[in-house]
Amino acid sequence: MDGARGHMVLYQLNQVPKYALQYIPTKTLNFQLWKNYVKSIKISPYIKLGHGQSVGSTSRYIYELANWNHTKKLRSNELLQIDKKDMQIKRIWTFAVSNGERENNRYFLNADVIDDNTMLALFHSKSKHRFEIWKITRKGNSFKVKEAAATDGDLISNSSQVQGFTYNVAHKCYYIAFNDYLFKIDAKGNLVNYYHFNAKREVEGLASYKSKIYIAMNKRAEVFDSNMAK
């Protein structure tokens, strides 16, 4: 369905034992353990999320670009601000990023939140065979955008969708994931290196913090962390 909806879940990793979440809710966990775990878990209402790969957070808020990766229409980008205290939507902004004619508007499927006023978003230009990285800055309800970097080429030869995108502030580099491939891009858009996970699984999201990169995998859902590689 257009503009897929779902629940967003927030939990404290250090309060829920590793692998325990896959047993919620099942009979594997007894009721007392379940009650103890859910104290550290918050769930949003049923909200518009898109395909869920443009999410990021700051100390107080979660931000989500509520996009949809099967859209065929020209449209604007919708940004949700969700309060971590109660997982309710506090604000919704709609903005458009135009590079010339309206039919060339940038519609972002992947983005990374830098702070409460700054987001980096990824756009694939099929006609120019490159990935563009746009810096989106918000002041109140106004948005300013500029192209921060662009790759020279499509990075991958098949039509795979981007499965994850993140910017590492400490090392000033971007990471872009396709299925089981991970590409490292420098601040200007140059390819630095790439890596292959021979695990017959897809990357489903990327994040980074300080010198760590976090990789979410599918089937089953797991999060790996790793020190930055050269």
C-alpha atoms as a PDB file:
ATOM      1  CA  MET A   1       0.000   0.000   0.000  1.00  0.00           C
ATOM      2  CA  ASP A   2       1.146   3.532  -0.707  1.00  0.00           C
ATOM      3  CA  GLY A   3       2.813   5.142   2.296  1.00  0.00           C
ATOM      4  CA  ALA A   4       3.134   2.015   4.433  1.00  0.00           C
ATOM      5  CA  ARG A   5       2.221   2.307   8.093  1.00  0.00           C
ATOM      6  CA  GLY A   6       3.340   0.496  11.200  1.00  0.00           C
ATOM      7  CA  HIS A   7       4.489   0.769  14.802  1.00  0.00           C
ATOM      8  CA  MET A   8       7.855   2.179  15.849  1.00  0.00           C
ATOM      9  CA  VAL A   9       9.493   0.425  18.794  1.00  0.00           C
ATOM     10  CA  LEU A  10      11.999   2.057  21.153  1.00  0.00           C
ATOM     11  CA  TYR A  11      13.878  -0.049  23.677  1.00  0.00           C
ATOM     12  CA  GLN A  12      16.951   0.218  25.862  1.00  0.00           C
ATOM     13  CA  LEU A  13      19.563  -2.265  24.685  1.00  0.00           C
ATOM     14  CA  ASN A  14      21.293  -2.447  28.054  1.00  0.00           C
ATOM     15  CA  GLN A  15      18.017  -3.278  29.823  1.00  0.00           C
ATOM     16  CA  VAL A  16      16.910  -6.175  27.621  1.00  0.00           C
ATOM     17  CA  PRO A  17      19.220  -9.222  27.383  1.00  0.00           C
ATOM     18  CA  LYS A  18      20.667 -10.080  23.987  1.00  0.00           C
ATOM     19  CA  TYR A  19      18.288 -12.181  21.823  1.00  0.00           C
ATOM     20  CA  ALA A  20      15.444 -11.777  24.350  1.00  0.00           C
ATOM     21  CA  LEU A  21      13.269  -9.582  22.096  1.00  0.00           C
ATOM     22  CA  GLN A  22      12.722 -12.388  19.599  1.00  0.00           C
ATOM     23  CA  TYR A  23      10.779 -14.220  22.328  1.00  0.00           C
ATOM     24  CA  ILE A  24       8.304 -11.369  22.864  1.00  0.00           C
ATOM     25  CA  PRO A  25       5.522 -12.426  22.880  1.00  0.00           C
ATOM     26  CA  THR A  26       5.943 -16.202  23.136  1.00  0.00           C
ATOM     27  CA  LYS A  27       5.525 -18.810  25.854  1.00  0.00           C
ATOM     28  CA  THR A  28       9.309 -19.075  26.077  1.00  0.00           C
ATOM     29  CA  LEU A  29       9.310 -16.087  28.428  1.00  0.00           C
ATOM     30  CA  ASN A  30       7.429 -16.331  31.690  1.00  0.00           C
ATOM     31  CA  PHE A  31       5.060 -13.515  32.593  1.00  0.00           C
ATOM     32  CA  GLN A  32       7.305 -11.936  35.230  1.00  0.00           C
ATOM     33  CA  LEU A  33      10.243 -11.685  32.809  1.00  0.00           C
ATOM     34  CA  TRP A  34       7.953 -10.232  30.163  1.00  0.00           C
ATOM     35  CA  LYS A  35       6.701  -7.552  32.569  1.00  0.00           C
ATOM     36  CA  ASN A  36      10.267  -6.679  33.485  1.00  0.00           C
ATOM     37  CA  TYR A  37      11.363  -6.317  29.852  1.00  0.00           C
ATOM     38  CA  VAL A  38       8.438  -4.213  28.705  1.00  0.00           C
ATOM     39  CA  LYS A  39       9.299  -1.528  31.255  1.00  0.00           C
ATOM     40  CA  SER A  40      12.192  -0.662  28.930  1.00  0.00           C
ATOM     41  CA  ILE A  41      10.149  -0.814  25.720  1.00  0.00           C
ATOM     42  CA  LYS A  42       7.941   1.897  24.192  1.00  0.00           C
ATOM     43  CA  ILE A  43       5.698   1.505  21.139  1.00  0.00           C
ATOM     44  CA  SER A  44       4.258   4.248  18.960  1.00  0.00           C
ATOM     45  CA  PRO A  45       0.678   4.363  17.679  1.00  0.00           C
ATOM     46  CA  TYR A  46      -0.028   3.010  14.176  1.00  0.00           C
ATOM     47  CA  ILE A  47       1.610   5.729  12.089  1.00  0.00           C
ATOM     48  CA  LYS A  48       2.835   6.410   8.569  1.00  0.00           C
ATOM     49  CA  LEU A  49       6.429   5.198   8.253  1.00  0.00           C
ATOM     50  CA  GLY A  50       7.084   4.368   4.612  1.00  0.00           C
ATOM     51  CA  HIS A  51       9.586   1.543   4.131  1.00  0.00           C
ATOM     52  CA  GLY A  52      11.324   2.462   7.381  1.00  0.00           C
ATOM     53  CA  GLN A  53      14.908   3.087   6.229  1.00  0.00           C
ATOM     54  CA  SER A  54      15.038   6.834   6.857  1.00  0.00           C
ATOM     55  CA  VAL A  55      14.893   6.904  10.627  1.00  0.00           C
ATOM     56  CA  GLY A  56      17.249   8.576  13.097  1.00  0.00           C
ATOM     57  CA  SER A  57      17.206  10.027  16.577  1.00  0.00           C
ATOM     58  CA  THR A  58      18.567  12.688  18.874  1.00  0.00           C
ATOM     59  CA  SER A  59      18.498  12.831  22.668  1.00  0.00           C
ATOM     60  CA  ARG A  60      14.788  13.713  22.770  1.00  0.00           C
ATOM     61  CA  TYR A  61      13.229  12.978  19.384  1.00  0.00           C
ATOM     62  CA  ILE A  62      13.026  10.338  16.681  1.00  0.00           C
ATOM     63  CA  TYR A  63      12.820  11.566  13.079  1.00  0.00           C
ATOM     64  CA  GLU A  64      11.407   9.628  10.148  1.00  0.00           C
ATOM     65  CA  LEU A  65      11.089  10.504   6.470  1.00  0.00           C
ATOM     66  CA  ALA A  66       7.766   8.832   5.816  1.00  0.00           C
ATOM     67  CA  ASN A  67       8.537   7.736   2.278  1.00  0.00           C
ATOM     68  CA  TRP A  68       7.568   4.755   0.155  1.00  0.00           C
ATOM     69  CA  ASN A  69      10.015   2.942  -2.137  1.00  0.00           C
ATOM     70  CA  HIS A  70       7.405   1.870  -4.729  1.00  0.00           C
ATOM     71  CA  THR A  71       5.941   5.297  -5.395  1.00  0.00           C
ATOM     72  CA  LYS A  72       5.444   6.265  -9.046  1.00  0.00           C
ATOM     73  CA  LYS A  73       4.207   9.804  -8.413  1.00  0.00           C
ATOM     74  CA  LEU A  74       5.987  13.117  -8.032  1.00  0.00           C
ATOM     75  CA  ARG A  75       5.581  14.267  -4.467  1.00  0.00           C
ATOM     76  CA  SER A  76       7.126  16.086  -1.544  1.00  0.00           C
ATOM     77  CA  ASN A  77       9.025  14.647   1.408  1.00  0.00           C
ATOM     78  CA  GLU A  78       7.238  14.245   4.739  1.00  0.00           C
ATOM     79  CA  LEU A  79       9.264  14.482   7.959  1.00  0.00           C
ATOM     80  CA  LEU A  80       7.841  13.197  11.268  1.00  0.00           C
ATOM     81  CA  GLN A  81       9.137  14.286  14.682  1.00  0.00           C
ATOM     82  CA  ILE A  82       8.303  11.691  17.355  1.00  0.00           C
ATOM     83  CA  ASP A  83       8.753  12.379  21.076  1.00  0.00           C
ATOM     84  CA  LYS A  84      10.688   9.603  22.831  1.00  0.00           C
ATOM     85  CA  LYS A  85       8.789  10.175  26.075  1.00  0.00           C
ATOM     86  CA  ASP A  86       5.468   8.870  24.776  1.00  0.00           C
ATOM     87  CA  MET A  87       6.229   7.865  21.144  1.00  0.00           C
ATOM     88  CA  GLN A  88       3.585  10.301  19.884  1.00  0.00           C
ATOM     89  CA  ILE A  89       4.045  12.395  16.746  1.00  0.00           C
ATOM     90  CA  LYS A  90       4.775  15.961  17.823  1.00  0.00           C
ATOM     91  CA  ARG A  91       5.199  17.627  14.413  1.00  0.00           C
ATOM     92  CA  ILE A  92       4.942  16.803  10.720  1.00  0.00           C
ATOM     93  CA  TRP A  93       6.670  18.916   8.078  1.00  0.00           C
ATOM     94  CA  THR A  94       6.307  18.690   4.323  1.00  0.00           C
ATOM     95  CA  PHE A  95       9.111  20.006   2.138  1.00  0.00           C
ATOM     96  CA  ALA A  96      10.265  19.696  -1.448  1.00  0.00           C
ATOM     97  CA  VAL A  97      13.801  19.649  -2.817  1.00  0.00           C
ATOM     98  CA  SER A  98      13.911  20.935  -6.377  1.00  0.00           C
ATOM     99  CA  ASN A  99      16.874  20.974  -8.710  1.00  0.00           C
ATOM    100  CA  GLY A 100      15.413  22.904 -11.622  1.00  0.00           C
ATOM    101  CA  GLU A 101      12.065  21.738 -12.983  1.00  0.00           C
ATOM    102  CA  ARG A 102       9.456  20.228 -10.697  1.00  0.00           C
ATOM    103  CA  GLU A 103       9.726  16.862 -12.420  1.00  0.00           C
ATOM    104  CA  ASN A 104      13.332  16.789 -11.172  1.00  0.00           C
ATOM    105  CA  ASN A 105      12.321  17.094  -7.513  1.00  0.00           C
ATOM    106  CA  ARG A 106      14.401  14.887  -5.223  1.00  0.00           C
ATOM    107  CA  TYR A 107      12.414  12.226  -3.355  1.00  0.00           C
ATOM    108  CA  PHE A 108      14.518  10.619  -0.639  1.00  0.00           C
ATOM    109  CA  LEU A 109      14.262   6.970   0.378  1.00  0.00           C
ATOM    110  CA  ASN A 110      17.237   6.970   2.749  1.00  0.00           C
ATOM    111  CA  ALA A 111      18.395   9.604   5.222  1.00  0.00           C
ATOM    112  CA  ASP A 112      20.512  10.031   8.350  1.00  0.00           C
ATOM    113  CA  VAL A 113      19.752  12.420  11.221  1.00  0.00           C
ATOM    114  CA  ILE A 114      22.724  14.478  12.400  1.00  0.00           C
ATOM    115  CA  ASP A 115      20.935  16.642  14.984  1.00  0.00           C
ATOM    116  CA  ASP A 116      17.504  18.174  15.617  1.00  0.00           C
ATOM    117  CA  ASN A 117      17.988  20.617  12.759  1.00  0.00           C
ATOM    118  CA  THR A 118      20.130  18.709  10.270  1.00  0.00           C
ATOM    119  CA  MET A 119      19.566  15.662   8.110  1.00  0.00           C
ATOM    120  CA  LEU A 120      21.566  14.122   5.253  1.00  0.00           C
ATOM    121  CA  ALA A 121      19.492  12.432   2.547  1.00  0.00           C
ATOM    122  CA  LEU A 122      20.428  10.147  -0.334  1.00  0.00           C
ATOM    123  CA  PHE A 123      19.010  10.390  -3.868  1.00  0.00           C
ATOM    124  CA  HIS A 124      19.797   8.144  -6.832  1.00  0.00           C
ATOM    125  CA  SER A 125      19.858   9.964 -10.153  1.00  0.00           C
ATOM    126  CA  LYS A 126      19.319   7.232 -12.745  1.00  0.00           C
ATOM    127  CA  SER A 127      19.786   9.624 -15.671  1.00  0.00           C
ATOM    128  CA  LYS A 128      23.137  10.926 -14.370  1.00  0.00           C
ATOM    129  CA  HIS A 129      24.235   7.536 -12.971  1.00  0.00           C
ATOM    130  CA  ARG A 130      25.194   8.864  -9.587  1.00  0.00           C
ATOM    131  CA  PHE A 131      24.091   9.093  -5.976  1.00  0.00           C
ATOM    132  CA  GLU A 132      23.534  12.578  -4.619  1.00  0.00           C
ATOM    133  CA  ILE A 133      23.817  13.412  -0.925  1.00  0.00           C
ATOM    134  CA  TRP A 134      21.797  16.450   0.153  1.00  0.00           C
ATOM    135  CA  LYS A 135      22.176  18.386   3.385  1.00  0.00           C
ATOM    136  CA  ILE A 136      18.760  19.438   4.714  1.00  0.00           C
ATOM    137  CA  THR A 137      18.747  22.104   7.422  1.00  0.00           C
ATOM    138  CA  ARG A 138      15.630  23.142   9.332  1.00  0.00           C
ATOM    139  CA  LYS A 139      15.116  26.404  11.217  1.00  0.00           C
ATOM    140  CA  GLY A 140      11.680  26.416  12.764  1.00  0.00           C
ATOM    141  CA  ASN A 141       9.348  25.472   9.931  1.00  0.00           C
ATOM    142  CA  SER A 142      11.688  26.573   7.147  1.00  0.00           C
ATOM    143  CA  PHE A 143      14.026  24.264   5.258  1.00  0.00           C
ATOM    144  CA  LYS A 144      17.247  24.964   3.392  1.00  0.00           C
ATOM    145  CA  VAL A 145      18.977  22.379   1.224  1.00  0.00           C
ATOM    146  CA  LYS A 146      22.224  22.019  -0.678  1.00  0.00           C
ATOM    147  CA  GLU A 147      23.967  19.182  -2.442  1.00  0.00           C
ATOM    148  CA  ALA A 148      26.804  18.059  -0.163  1.00  0.00           C
ATOM    149  CA  ALA A 149      28.384  15.335  -2.304  1.00  0.00           C
ATOM    150  CA  ALA A 150      27.804  13.103  -5.317  1.00  0.00           C
ATOM    151  CA  THR A 151      29.291   9.795  -6.450  1.00  0.00           C
ATOM    152  CA  ASP A 152      30.812   9.189  -9.867  1.00  0.00           C
ATOM    153  CA  GLY A 153      28.711   6.208 -10.933  1.00  0.00           C
ATOM    154  CA  ASP A 154      25.930   3.943  -9.664  1.00  0.00           C
ATOM    155  CA  LEU A 155      28.271   2.011  -7.295  1.00  0.00           C
ATOM    156  CA  ILE A 156      26.533  -1.277  -8.109  1.00  0.00           C
ATOM    157  CA  SER A 157      25.692  -2.626 -11.559  1.00  0.00           C
ATOM    158  CA  ASN A 158      22.307  -4.225 -10.890  1.00  0.00           C
ATOM    159  CA  SER A 159      19.058  -2.511  -9.910  1.00  0.00           C
ATOM    160  CA  SER A 160      19.293  -3.259  -6.181  1.00  0.00           C
ATOM    161  CA  GLN A 161      17.618  -0.772  -3.855  1.00  0.00           C
ATOM    162  CA  VAL A 162      19.733   1.000  -1.245  1.00  0.00           C
ATOM    163  CA  GLN A 163      19.219  -0.874   2.026  1.00  0.00           C
ATOM    164  CA  GLY A 164      21.008   1.525   4.360  1.00  0.00           C
ATOM    165  CA  PHE A 165      22.700   4.930   4.511  1.00  0.00           C
ATOM    166  CA  THR A 166      24.595   6.696   7.273  1.00  0.00           C
ATOM    167  CA  TYR A 167      27.148   9.453   7.810  1.00  0.00           C
ATOM    168  CA  ASN A 168      29.901   9.122  10.381  1.00  0.00           C
ATOM    169  CA  VAL A 169      30.639  12.505  11.931  1.00  0.00           C
ATOM    170  CA  ALA A 170      33.931  11.430  13.530  1.00  0.00           C
ATOM    171  CA  HIS A 171      35.463  10.107  10.299  1.00  0.00           C
ATOM    172  CA  LYS A 172      33.572  12.390   7.864  1.00  0.00           C
ATOM    173  CA  CYS A 173      32.511   9.574   5.578  1.00  0.00           C
ATOM    174  CA  TYR A 174      29.298   8.013   4.272  1.00  0.00           C
ATOM    175  CA  TYR A 175      28.272   4.372   4.146  1.00  0.00           C
ATOM    176  CA  ILE A 176      25.775   3.017   1.589  1.00  0.00           C
ATOM    177  CA  ALA A 177      24.521  -0.581   1.684  1.00  0.00           C
ATOM    178  CA  PHE A 178      22.985  -2.704  -1.081  1.00  0.00           C
ATOM    179  CA  ASN A 179      21.766  -6.158  -0.023  1.00  0.00           C
ATOM    180  CA  ASP A 180      25.036  -7.714   1.259  1.00  0.00           C
ATOM    181  CA  TYR A 181      27.445  -5.025  -0.015  1.00  0.00           C
ATOM    182  CA  LEU A 182      28.680  -1.997   1.925  1.00  0.00           C
ATOM    183  CA  PHE A 183      30.342   1.014   0.237  1.00  0.00           C
ATOM    184  CA  LYS A 184      32.442   3.627   2.015  1.00  0.00           C
ATOM    185  CA  ILE A 185      32.295   7.121   0.457  1.00  0.00           C
ATOM    186  CA  ASP A 186      34.400  10.111   1.484  1.00  0.00           C
ATOM    187  CA  ALA A 187      33.054  13.614   2.202  1.00  0.00           C
ATOM    188  CA  LYS A 188      33.316  14.641  -1.471  1.00  0.00           C
ATOM    189  CA  GLY A 189      31.582  11.564  -2.846  1.00  0.00           C
ATOM    190  CA  ASN A 190      34.635   9.506  -3.837  1.00  0.00           C
ATOM    191  CA  LEU A 191      34.557   5.735  -3.381  1.00  0.00           C
ATOM    192  CA  VAL A 192      37.052   4.781  -0.654  1.00  0.00           C
ATOM    193  CA  ASN A 193      36.396   1.047  -0.305  1.00  0.00           C
ATOM    194  CA  TYR A 194      33.684  -1.588  -0.367  1.00  0.00           C
ATOM    195  CA  TYR A 195      32.958  -4.755   1.592  1.00  0.00           C
ATOM    196  CA  HIS A 196      30.932  -7.929   0.993  1.00  0.00           C
ATOM    197  CA  PHE A 197      29.016  -9.922   3.602  1.00  0.00           C
ATOM    198  CA  ASN A 198      28.828 -13.513   2.359  1.00  0.00           C
ATOM    199  CA  ALA A 199      26.024 -14.394   4.741  1.00  0.00           C
ATOM    200  CA  LYS A 200      23.063 -14.862   2.341  1.00  0.00           C
ATOM    201  CA  ARG A 201      21.302 -12.059   4.228  1.00  0.00           C
ATOM    202  CA  GLU A 202      20.439  -8.472   3.443  1.00  0.00           C
ATOM    203  CA  VAL A 203      21.399  -5.320   5.262  1.00  0.00           C
ATOM    204  CA  GLU A 204      18.212  -3.587   6.439  1.00  0.00           C
ATOM    205  CA  GLY A 205      19.636  -0.408   7.932  1.00  0.00           C
ATOM    206  CA  LEU A 206      22.810   1.418   8.927  1.00  0.00           C
ATOM    207  CA  ALA A 207      23.756   3.762  11.754  1.00  0.00           C
ATOM    208  CA  SER A 208      27.012   5.067  13.199  1.00  0.00           C
ATOM    209  CA  TYR A 209      28.190   6.649  16.423  1.00  0.00           C
ATOM    210  CA  LYS A 210      31.720   7.823  17.234  1.00  0.00           C
ATOM    211  CA  SER A 211      33.998   5.105  15.769  1.00  0.00           C
ATOM    212  CA  LYS A 212      31.326   2.410  15.548  1.00  0.00           C
ATOM    213  CA  ILE A 213      29.115   1.425  12.640  1.00  0.00           C
ATOM    214  CA  TYR A 214      25.897  -0.498  13.304  1.00  0.00           C
ATOM    215  CA  ILE A 215      24.419  -2.837  10.696  1.00  0.00           C
ATOM    216  CA  ALA A 216      20.890  -4.232  10.937  1.00  0.00           C
ATOM    217  CA  MET A 217      20.382  -7.573   9.179  1.00  0.00           C
ATOM    218  CA  ASN A 218      17.227  -9.428   8.170  1.00  0.00           C
ATOM    219  CA  LYS A 219      16.126 -13.044   8.742  1.00  0.00           C
ATOM    220  CA  ARG A 220      16.441 -12.983  11.622  1.00  0.00           C
ATOM    221  CA  ALA A 221      16.593  -9.388  12.721  1.00  0.00           C
ATOM    222  CA  GLU A 222      19.968  -8.734  14.350  1.00  0.00           C
ATOM    223  CA  VAL A 223      22.158  -5.680  14.851  1.00  0.00           C
ATOM    224  CA  PHE A 224      25.926  -6.005  14.405  1.00  0.00           C
ATOM    225  CA  ASP A 225      28.448  -3.437  15.503  1.00  0.00           C
ATOM    226  CA  SER A 226      31.969  -2.973  14.224  1.00  0.00           C
ATOM    227  CA  ASN A 227      34.862  -0.585  14.499  1.00  0.00           C
ATOM    228  CA  MET A 228      35.414   1.583  11.418  1.00  0.00           C
ATOM    229  CA  ALA A 229      37.361  -0.232   8.697  1.00  0.00           C
ATOM    230  CA  LYS A 230      39.858   1.294   6.275  1.00  0.00           C
END
